[in-house]
Amino acid sequence: AVFLTTHDMAEAERLADRVGLLAD
């Protein structure tokens, strides 16, 4: 299992099965 944080949307789109947006 891989849990990553990133500012690179291309990285998230390439790697992630799911994406969560954390805001405030």
mmCIF file of all heavy atoms, coordinates in Angstrom:
data_MODEL
# 
_entry.id   MODEL 
# 
loop_
_atom_site.group_PDB 
_atom_site.id 
_atom_site.type_symbol 
_atom_site.label_atom_id 
_atom_site.label_alt_id 
_atom_site.label_comp_id 
_atom_site.label_asym_id 
_atom_site.label_entity_id 
_atom_site.label_seq_id 
_atom_site.pdbx_PDB_ins_code 
_atom_site.Cartn_x 
_atom_site.Cartn_y 
_atom_site.Cartn_z 
_atom_site.occupancy 
_atom_site.B_iso_or_equiv 
_atom_site.pdbx_formal_charge 
_atom_site.auth_seq_id 
_atom_site.auth_comp_id 
_atom_site.auth_asym_id 
_atom_site.auth_atom_id 
_atom_site.pdbx_PDB_model_num 
ATOM 1   N N   . ALA A 1 1  ? 0.856   -1.185 0.000   1.00 0.00 ? 1  ALA A N   1 
ATOM 2   C CA  . ALA A 1 1  ? 0.000   0.000  0.000   1.00 0.00 ? 1  ALA A CA  1 
ATOM 3   C C   . ALA A 1 1  ? 0.894   1.239  0.000   1.00 0.00 ? 1  ALA A C   1 
ATOM 4   O O   . ALA A 1 1  ? 1.869   1.306  0.756   1.00 0.00 ? 1  ALA A O   1 
ATOM 5   C CB  . ALA A 1 1  ? -0.908  0.008  1.225   1.00 0.00 ? 1  ALA A CB  1 
ATOM 6   N N   . VAL A 1 2  ? 0.570   2.201  -0.841  1.00 0.00 ? 2  VAL A N   1 
ATOM 7   C CA  . VAL A 1 2  ? 1.379   3.415  -0.957  1.00 0.00 ? 2  VAL A CA  1 
ATOM 8   C C   . VAL A 1 2  ? 0.489   4.621  -0.682  1.00 0.00 ? 2  VAL A C   1 
ATOM 9   O O   . VAL A 1 2  ? -0.543  4.810  -1.338  1.00 0.00 ? 2  VAL A O   1 
ATOM 10  C CB  . VAL A 1 2  ? 2.012   3.545  -2.359  1.00 0.00 ? 2  VAL A CB  1 
ATOM 11  C CG1 . VAL A 1 2  ? 2.836   4.826  -2.451  1.00 0.00 ? 2  VAL A CG1 1 
ATOM 12  C CG2 . VAL A 1 2  ? 2.877   2.323  -2.672  1.00 0.00 ? 2  VAL A CG2 1 
ATOM 13  N N   . PHE A 1 3  ? 0.895   5.420  0.287   1.00 0.00 ? 3  PHE A N   1 
ATOM 14  C CA  . PHE A 1 3  ? 0.187   6.658  0.628   1.00 0.00 ? 3  PHE A CA  1 
ATOM 15  C C   . PHE A 1 3  ? 1.146   7.802  0.350   1.00 0.00 ? 3  PHE A C   1 
ATOM 16  O O   . PHE A 1 3  ? 2.182   7.910  0.992   1.00 0.00 ? 3  PHE A O   1 
ATOM 17  C CB  . PHE A 1 3  ? -0.208  6.655  2.107   1.00 0.00 ? 3  PHE A CB  1 
ATOM 18  C CG  . PHE A 1 3  ? -1.044  7.834  2.535   1.00 0.00 ? 3  PHE A CG  1 
ATOM 19  C CD1 . PHE A 1 3  ? -2.421  7.704  2.677   1.00 0.00 ? 3  PHE A CD1 1 
ATOM 20  C CD2 . PHE A 1 3  ? -0.469  9.067  2.794   1.00 0.00 ? 3  PHE A CD2 1 
ATOM 21  C CE1 . PHE A 1 3  ? -3.202  8.783  3.075   1.00 0.00 ? 3  PHE A CE1 1 
ATOM 22  C CE2 . PHE A 1 3  ? -1.236  10.149 3.186   1.00 0.00 ? 3  PHE A CE2 1 
ATOM 23  C CZ  . PHE A 1 3  ? -2.603  10.007 3.326   1.00 0.00 ? 3  PHE A CZ  1 
ATOM 24  N N   . LEU A 1 4  ? 0.819   8.627  -0.651  1.00 0.00 ? 4  LEU A N   1 
ATOM 25  C CA  . LEU A 1 4  ? 1.730   9.711  -0.969  1.00 0.00 ? 4  LEU A CA  1 
ATOM 26  C C   . LEU A 1 4  ? 1.019   11.054 -0.962  1.00 0.00 ? 4  LEU A C   1 
ATOM 27  O O   . LEU A 1 4  ? -0.166  11.154 -1.282  1.00 0.00 ? 4  LEU A O   1 
ATOM 28  C CB  . LEU A 1 4  ? 2.399   9.505  -2.323  1.00 0.00 ? 4  LEU A CB  1 
ATOM 29  C CG  . LEU A 1 4  ? 1.580   9.762  -3.588  1.00 0.00 ? 4  LEU A CG  1 
ATOM 30  C CD1 . LEU A 1 4  ? 2.444   10.421 -4.648  1.00 0.00 ? 4  LEU A CD1 1 
ATOM 31  C CD2 . LEU A 1 4  ? 1.015   8.474  -4.151  1.00 0.00 ? 4  LEU A CD2 1 
ATOM 32  N N   . THR A 1 5  ? 1.753   12.086 -0.586  1.00 0.00 ? 5  THR A N   1 
ATOM 33  C CA  . THR A 1 5  ? 1.289   13.453 -0.754  1.00 0.00 ? 5  THR A CA  1 
ATOM 34  C C   . THR A 1 5  ? 2.086   14.069 -1.902  1.00 0.00 ? 5  THR A C   1 
ATOM 35  O O   . THR A 1 5  ? 3.263   13.755 -2.090  1.00 0.00 ? 5  THR A O   1 
ATOM 36  C CB  . THR A 1 5  ? 1.501   14.302 0.517   1.00 0.00 ? 5  THR A CB  1 
ATOM 37  O OG1 . THR A 1 5  ? 2.894   14.609 0.670   1.00 0.00 ? 5  THR A OG1 1 
ATOM 38  C CG2 . THR A 1 5  ? 1.003   13.563 1.754   1.00 0.00 ? 5  THR A CG2 1 
ATOM 39  N N   . THR A 1 6  ? 1.436   14.911 -2.659  1.00 0.00 ? 6  THR A N   1 
ATOM 40  C CA  . THR A 1 6  ? 2.118   15.511 -3.809  1.00 0.00 ? 6  THR A CA  1 
ATOM 41  C C   . THR A 1 6  ? 1.421   16.785 -4.230  1.00 0.00 ? 6  THR A C   1 
ATOM 42  O O   . THR A 1 6  ? 0.214   16.958 -4.021  1.00 0.00 ? 6  THR A O   1 
ATOM 43  C CB  . THR A 1 6  ? 2.167   14.517 -4.992  1.00 0.00 ? 6  THR A CB  1 
ATOM 44  O OG1 . THR A 1 6  ? 2.893   15.096 -6.069  1.00 0.00 ? 6  THR A OG1 1 
ATOM 45  C CG2 . THR A 1 6  ? 0.773   14.150 -5.472  1.00 0.00 ? 6  THR A CG2 1 
ATOM 46  N N   . HIS A 1 7  ? 2.203   17.691 -4.830  1.00 0.00 ? 7  HIS A N   1 
ATOM 47  C CA  . HIS A 1 7  ? 1.642   18.870 -5.504  1.00 0.00 ? 7  HIS A CA  1 
ATOM 48  C C   . HIS A 1 7  ? 1.617   18.655 -7.009  1.00 0.00 ? 7  HIS A C   1 
ATOM 49  O O   . HIS A 1 7  ? 1.130   19.518 -7.743  1.00 0.00 ? 7  HIS A O   1 
ATOM 50  C CB  . HIS A 1 7  ? 2.482   20.115 -5.182  1.00 0.00 ? 7  HIS A CB  1 
ATOM 51  C CG  . HIS A 1 7  ? 2.285   20.623 -3.791  1.00 0.00 ? 7  HIS A CG  1 
ATOM 52  N ND1 . HIS A 1 7  ? 1.107   21.189 -3.366  1.00 0.00 ? 7  HIS A ND1 1 
ATOM 53  C CD2 . HIS A 1 7  ? 3.113   20.665 -2.720  1.00 0.00 ? 7  HIS A CD2 1 
ATOM 54  C CE1 . HIS A 1 7  ? 1.212   21.557 -2.097  1.00 0.00 ? 7  HIS A CE1 1 
ATOM 55  N NE2 . HIS A 1 7  ? 2.422   21.239 -1.681  1.00 0.00 ? 7  HIS A NE2 1 
ATOM 56  N N   . ASP A 1 8  ? 2.150   17.532 -7.461  1.00 0.00 ? 8  ASP A N   1 
ATOM 57  C CA  . ASP A 1 8  ? 2.265   17.246 -8.886  1.00 0.00 ? 8  ASP A CA  1 
ATOM 58  C C   . ASP A 1 8  ? 1.029   16.461 -9.327  1.00 0.00 ? 8  ASP A C   1 
ATOM 59  O O   . ASP A 1 8  ? 0.905   15.268 -9.047  1.00 0.00 ? 8  ASP A O   1 
ATOM 60  C CB  . ASP A 1 8  ? 3.540   16.434 -9.134  1.00 0.00 ? 8  ASP A CB  1 
ATOM 61  C CG  . ASP A 1 8  ? 3.832   16.208 -10.611 1.00 0.00 ? 8  ASP A CG  1 
ATOM 62  O OD1 . ASP A 1 8  ? 2.896   16.317 -11.424 1.00 0.00 ? 8  ASP A OD1 1 
ATOM 63  O OD2 . ASP A 1 8  ? 4.993   15.907 -10.935 1.00 0.00 ? 8  ASP A OD2 1 
ATOM 64  N N   . MET A 1 9  ? 0.110   17.134 -10.033 1.00 0.00 ? 9  MET A N   1 
ATOM 65  C CA  . MET A 1 9  ? -1.123  16.471 -10.437 1.00 0.00 ? 9  MET A CA  1 
ATOM 66  C C   . MET A 1 9  ? -0.852  15.369 -11.461 1.00 0.00 ? 9  MET A C   1 
ATOM 67  O O   . MET A 1 9  ? -1.569  14.365 -11.511 1.00 0.00 ? 9  MET A O   1 
ATOM 68  C CB  . MET A 1 9  ? -2.111  17.481 -11.007 1.00 0.00 ? 9  MET A CB  1 
ATOM 69  C CG  . MET A 1 9  ? -2.635  18.480 -9.992  1.00 0.00 ? 9  MET A CG  1 
ATOM 70  S SD  . MET A 1 9  ? -3.419  17.727 -8.553  1.00 0.00 ? 9  MET A SD  1 
ATOM 71  C CE  . MET A 1 9  ? -2.162  18.040 -7.303  1.00 0.00 ? 9  MET A CE  1 
ATOM 72  N N   . ALA A 1 10 ? 0.177   15.538 -12.288 1.00 0.00 ? 10 ALA A N   1 
ATOM 73  C CA  . ALA A 1 10 ? 0.529   14.467 -13.226 1.00 0.00 ? 10 ALA A CA  1 
ATOM 74  C C   . ALA A 1 10 ? 0.976   13.227 -12.462 1.00 0.00 ? 10 ALA A C   1 
ATOM 75  O O   . ALA A 1 10 ? 0.677   12.095 -12.863 1.00 0.00 ? 10 ALA A O   1 
ATOM 76  C CB  . ALA A 1 10 ? 1.629   14.936 -14.176 1.00 0.00 ? 10 ALA A CB  1 
ATOM 77  N N   . GLU A 1 11 ? 1.686   13.426 -11.366 1.00 0.00 ? 11 GLU A N   1 
ATOM 78  C CA  . GLU A 1 11 ? 2.124   12.315 -10.529 1.00 0.00 ? 11 GLU A CA  1 
ATOM 79  C C   . GLU A 1 11 ? 0.927   11.601 -9.920  1.00 0.00 ? 11 GLU A C   1 
ATOM 80  O O   . GLU A 1 11 ? 0.835   10.359 -9.941  1.00 0.00 ? 11 GLU A O   1 
ATOM 81  C CB  . GLU A 1 11 ? 3.049   12.836 -9.437  1.00 0.00 ? 11 GLU A CB  1 
ATOM 82  C CG  . GLU A 1 11 ? 3.614   11.784 -8.517  1.00 0.00 ? 11 GLU A CG  1 
ATOM 83  C CD  . GLU A 1 11 ? 4.751   12.338 -7.683  1.00 0.00 ? 11 GLU A CD  1 
ATOM 84  O OE1 . GLU A 1 11 ? 4.484   12.894 -6.589  1.00 0.00 ? 11 GLU A OE1 1 
ATOM 85  O OE2 . GLU A 1 11 ? 5.910   12.240 -8.140  1.00 0.00 ? 11 GLU A OE2 1 
ATOM 86  N N   . ALA A 1 12 ? -0.010  12.378 -9.376  1.00 0.00 ? 12 ALA A N   1 
ATOM 87  C CA  . ALA A 1 12 ? -1.203  11.778 -8.770  1.00 0.00 ? 12 ALA A CA  1 
ATOM 88  C C   . ALA A 1 12 ? -2.042  11.050 -9.812  1.00 0.00 ? 12 ALA A C   1 
ATOM 89  O O   . ALA A 1 12 ? -2.540  9.946  -9.570  1.00 0.00 ? 12 ALA A O   1 
ATOM 90  C CB  . ALA A 1 12 ? -2.034  12.867 -8.089  1.00 0.00 ? 12 ALA A CB  1 
ATOM 91  N N   . GLU A 1 13 ? -2.196  11.656 -10.996 1.00 0.00 ? 13 GLU A N   1 
ATOM 92  C CA  . GLU A 1 13 ? -3.012  11.046 -12.040 1.00 0.00 ? 13 GLU A CA  1 
ATOM 93  C C   . GLU A 1 13 ? -2.366  9.763  -12.557 1.00 0.00 ? 13 GLU A C   1 
ATOM 94  O O   . GLU A 1 13 ? -3.063  8.798  -12.877 1.00 0.00 ? 13 GLU A O   1 
ATOM 95  C CB  . GLU A 1 13 ? -3.226  12.042 -13.175 1.00 0.00 ? 13 GLU A CB  1 
ATOM 96  C CG  . GLU A 1 13 ? -4.366  11.699 -14.104 1.00 0.00 ? 13 GLU A CG  1 
ATOM 97  C CD  . GLU A 1 13 ? -4.911  12.904 -14.837 1.00 0.00 ? 13 GLU A CD  1 
ATOM 98  O OE1 . GLU A 1 13 ? -4.196  13.931 -14.929 1.00 0.00 ? 13 GLU A OE1 1 
ATOM 99  O OE2 . GLU A 1 13 ? -6.048  12.825 -15.325 1.00 0.00 ? 13 GLU A OE2 1 
ATOM 100 N N   . ARG A 1 14 ? -1.060  9.741  -12.630 1.00 0.00 ? 14 ARG A N   1 
ATOM 101 C CA  . ARG A 1 14 ? -0.338  8.558  -13.121 1.00 0.00 ? 14 ARG A CA  1 
ATOM 102 C C   . ARG A 1 14 ? -0.379  7.419  -12.097 1.00 0.00 ? 14 ARG A C   1 
ATOM 103 O O   . ARG A 1 14 ? -0.608  6.252  -12.458 1.00 0.00 ? 14 ARG A O   1 
ATOM 104 C CB  . ARG A 1 14 ? 1.109   8.948  -13.425 1.00 0.00 ? 14 ARG A CB  1 
ATOM 105 C CG  . ARG A 1 14 ? 2.120   7.806  -13.477 1.00 0.00 ? 14 ARG A CG  1 
ATOM 106 C CD  . ARG A 1 14 ? 2.085   6.995  -14.746 1.00 0.00 ? 14 ARG A CD  1 
ATOM 107 N NE  . ARG A 1 14 ? 3.084   5.918  -14.686 1.00 0.00 ? 14 ARG A NE  1 
ATOM 108 C CZ  . ARG A 1 14 ? 4.314   5.996  -15.201 1.00 0.00 ? 14 ARG A CZ  1 
ATOM 109 N NH1 . ARG A 1 14 ? 4.712   7.098  -15.826 1.00 0.00 ? 14 ARG A NH1 1 
ATOM 110 N NH2 . ARG A 1 14 ? 5.158   4.975  -15.109 1.00 0.00 ? 14 ARG A NH2 1 
ATOM 111 N N   . LEU A 1 15 ? -0.169  7.724  -10.824 1.00 0.00 ? 15 LEU A N   1 
ATOM 112 C CA  . LEU A 1 15 ? 0.054   6.683  -9.834  1.00 0.00 ? 15 LEU A CA  1 
ATOM 113 C C   . LEU A 1 15 ? -1.190  6.246  -9.066  1.00 0.00 ? 15 LEU A C   1 
ATOM 114 O O   . LEU A 1 15 ? -1.318  5.070  -8.719  1.00 0.00 ? 15 LEU A O   1 
ATOM 115 C CB  . LEU A 1 15 ? 1.093   7.153  -8.810  1.00 0.00 ? 15 LEU A CB  1 
ATOM 116 C CG  . LEU A 1 15 ? 2.514   7.398  -9.296  1.00 0.00 ? 15 LEU A CG  1 
ATOM 117 C CD1 . LEU A 1 15 ? 3.373   7.915  -8.146  1.00 0.00 ? 15 LEU A CD1 1 
ATOM 118 C CD2 . LEU A 1 15 ? 3.116   6.127  -9.872  1.00 0.00 ? 15 LEU A CD2 1 
ATOM 119 N N   . ALA A 1 16 ? -2.083  7.180  -8.790  1.00 0.00 ? 16 ALA A N   1 
ATOM 120 C CA  . ALA A 1 16 ? -3.094  6.936  -7.758  1.00 0.00 ? 16 ALA A CA  1 
ATOM 121 C C   . ALA A 1 16 ? -4.290  6.130  -8.248  1.00 0.00 ? 16 ALA A C   1 
ATOM 122 O O   . ALA A 1 16 ? -4.847  6.399  -9.313  1.00 0.00 ? 16 ALA A O   1 
ATOM 123 C CB  . ALA A 1 16 ? -3.574  8.263  -7.178  1.00 0.00 ? 16 ALA A CB  1 
ATOM 124 N N   . ASP A 1 17 ? -4.681  5.151  -7.429  1.00 0.00 ? 17 ASP A N   1 
ATOM 125 C CA  . ASP A 1 17 ? -5.974  4.499  -7.616  1.00 0.00 ? 17 ASP A CA  1 
ATOM 126 C C   . ASP A 1 17 ? -7.085  5.412  -7.120  1.00 0.00 ? 17 ASP A C   1 
ATOM 127 O O   . ASP A 1 17 ? -8.161  5.467  -7.717  1.00 0.00 ? 17 ASP A O   1 
ATOM 128 C CB  . ASP A 1 17 ? -6.011  3.176  -6.850  1.00 0.00 ? 17 ASP A CB  1 
ATOM 129 C CG  . ASP A 1 17 ? -4.973  2.193  -7.361  1.00 0.00 ? 17 ASP A CG  1 
ATOM 130 O OD1 . ASP A 1 17 ? -5.060  1.811  -8.541  1.00 0.00 ? 17 ASP A OD1 1 
ATOM 131 O OD2 . ASP A 1 17 ? -4.067  1.834  -6.584  1.00 0.00 ? 17 ASP A OD2 1 
ATOM 132 N N   . ARG A 1 18 ? -6.808  6.109  -6.014  1.00 0.00 ? 18 ARG A N   1 
ATOM 133 C CA  . ARG A 1 18 ? -7.751  7.104  -5.500  1.00 0.00 ? 18 ARG A CA  1 
ATOM 134 C C   . ARG A 1 18 ? -6.980  8.344  -5.070  1.00 0.00 ? 18 ARG A C   1 
ATOM 135 O O   . ARG A 1 18 ? -5.819  8.270  -4.653  1.00 0.00 ? 18 ARG A O   1 
ATOM 136 C CB  . ARG A 1 18 ? -8.546  6.555  -4.316  1.00 0.00 ? 18 ARG A CB  1 
ATOM 137 C CG  . ARG A 1 18 ? -9.633  5.558  -4.709  1.00 0.00 ? 18 ARG A CG  1 
ATOM 138 C CD  . ARG A 1 18 ? -10.503 5.202  -3.527  1.00 0.00 ? 18 ARG A CD  1 
ATOM 139 N NE  . ARG A 1 18 ? -9.720  4.571  -2.469  1.00 0.00 ? 18 ARG A NE  1 
ATOM 140 C CZ  . ARG A 1 18 ? -9.837  4.870  -1.176  1.00 0.00 ? 18 ARG A CZ  1 
ATOM 141 N NH1 . ARG A 1 18 ? -10.675 5.817  -0.772  1.00 0.00 ? 18 ARG A NH1 1 
ATOM 142 N NH2 . ARG A 1 18 ? -9.102  4.236  -0.275  1.00 0.00 ? 18 ARG A NH2 1 
ATOM 143 N N   . VAL A 1 19 ? -7.670  9.475  -5.159  1.00 0.00 ? 19 VAL A N   1 
ATOM 144 C CA  . VAL A 1 19 ? -7.088  10.761 -4.793  1.00 0.00 ? 19 VAL A CA  1 
ATOM 145 C C   . VAL A 1 19 ? -8.012  11.424 -3.785  1.00 0.00 ? 19 VAL A C   1 
ATOM 146 O O   . VAL A 1 19 ? -9.240  11.407 -3.934  1.00 0.00 ? 19 VAL A O   1 
ATOM 147 C CB  . VAL A 1 19 ? -6.933  11.684 -6.026  1.00 0.00 ? 19 VAL A CB  1 
ATOM 148 C CG1 . VAL A 1 19 ? -6.407  13.063 -5.609  1.00 0.00 ? 19 VAL A CG1 1 
ATOM 149 C CG2 . VAL A 1 19 ? -6.011  11.049 -7.050  1.00 0.00 ? 19 VAL A CG2 1 
ATOM 150 N N   . GLY A 1 20 ? -7.422  12.001 -2.730  1.00 0.00 ? 20 GLY A N   1 
ATOM 151 C CA  . GLY A 1 20 ? -8.185  12.773 -1.764  1.00 0.00 ? 20 GLY A CA  1 
ATOM 152 C C   . GLY A 1 20 ? -7.674  14.207 -1.747  1.00 0.00 ? 20 GLY A C   1 
ATOM 153 O O   . GLY A 1 20 ? -6.461  14.435 -1.761  1.00 0.00 ? 20 GLY A O   1 
ATOM 154 N N   . LEU A 1 21 ? -8.602  15.162 -1.754  1.00 0.00 ? 21 LEU A N   1 
ATOM 155 C CA  . LEU A 1 21 ? -8.224  16.572 -1.671  1.00 0.00 ? 21 LEU A CA  1 
ATOM 156 C C   . LEU A 1 21 ? -8.442  17.058 -0.254  1.00 0.00 ? 21 LEU A C   1 
ATOM 157 O O   . LEU A 1 21 ? -9.564  17.051 0.257   1.00 0.00 ? 21 LEU A O   1 
ATOM 158 C CB  . LEU A 1 21 ? -9.044  17.424 -2.643  1.00 0.00 ? 21 LEU A CB  1 
ATOM 159 C CG  . LEU A 1 21 ? -8.848  18.941 -2.485  1.00 0.00 ? 21 LEU A CG  1 
ATOM 160 C CD1 . LEU A 1 21 ? -7.408  19.339 -2.802  1.00 0.00 ? 21 LEU A CD1 1 
ATOM 161 C CD2 . LEU A 1 21 ? -9.815  19.727 -3.362  1.00 0.00 ? 21 LEU A CD2 1 
ATOM 162 N N   . LEU A 1 22 ? -7.345  17.461 0.383   1.00 0.00 ? 22 LEU A N   1 
ATOM 163 C CA  . LEU A 1 22 ? -7.395  18.006 1.727   1.00 0.00 ? 22 LEU A CA  1 
ATOM 164 C C   . LEU A 1 22 ? -7.316  19.524 1.636   1.00 0.00 ? 22 LEU A C   1 
ATOM 165 O O   . LEU A 1 22 ? -6.399  20.065 1.008   1.00 0.00 ? 22 LEU A O   1 
ATOM 166 C CB  . LEU A 1 22 ? -6.227  17.471 2.563   1.00 0.00 ? 22 LEU A CB  1 
ATOM 167 C CG  . LEU A 1 22 ? -6.313  17.666 4.077   1.00 0.00 ? 22 LEU A CG  1 
ATOM 168 C CD1 . LEU A 1 22 ? -7.416  16.791 4.672   1.00 0.00 ? 22 LEU A CD1 1 
ATOM 169 C CD2 . LEU A 1 22 ? -4.983  17.328 4.742   1.00 0.00 ? 22 LEU A CD2 1 
ATOM 170 N N   . ALA A 1 23 ? -8.281  20.204 2.225   1.00 0.00 ? 23 ALA A N   1 
ATOM 171 C CA  . ALA A 1 23 ? -8.305  21.668 2.208   1.00 0.00 ? 23 ALA A CA  1 
ATOM 172 C C   . ALA A 1 23 ? -8.764  22.164 3.566   1.00 0.00 ? 23 ALA A C   1 
ATOM 173 O O   . ALA A 1 23 ? -9.794  21.717 4.086   1.00 0.00 ? 23 ALA A O   1 
ATOM 174 C CB  . ALA A 1 23 ? -9.234  22.195 1.114   1.00 0.00 ? 23 ALA A CB  1 
ATOM 175 N N   . ASP A 1 24 ? -7.965  23.058 4.146   1.00 0.00 ? 24 ASP A N   1 
ATOM 176 C CA  . ASP A 1 24 ? -8.294  23.628 5.452   1.00 0.00 ? 24 ASP A CA  1 
ATOM 177 C C   . ASP A 1 24 ? -8.580  22.542 6.485   1.00 0.00 ? 24 ASP A C   1 
ATOM 178 O O   . ASP A 1 24 ? -9.486  22.651 7.297   1.00 0.00 ? 24 ASP A O   1 
ATOM 179 C CB  . ASP A 1 24 ? -9.493  24.578 5.323   1.00 0.00 ? 24 ASP A CB  1 
ATOM 180 C CG  . ASP A 1 24 ? -9.630  25.510 6.522   1.00 0.00 ? 24 ASP A CG  1 
ATOM 181 O OD1 . ASP A 1 24 ? -8.593  25.881 7.109   1.00 0.00 ? 24 ASP A OD1 1 
ATOM 182 O OD2 . ASP A 1 24 ? -10.773 25.850 6.889   1.00 0.00 ? 24 ASP A OD2 1 
# 
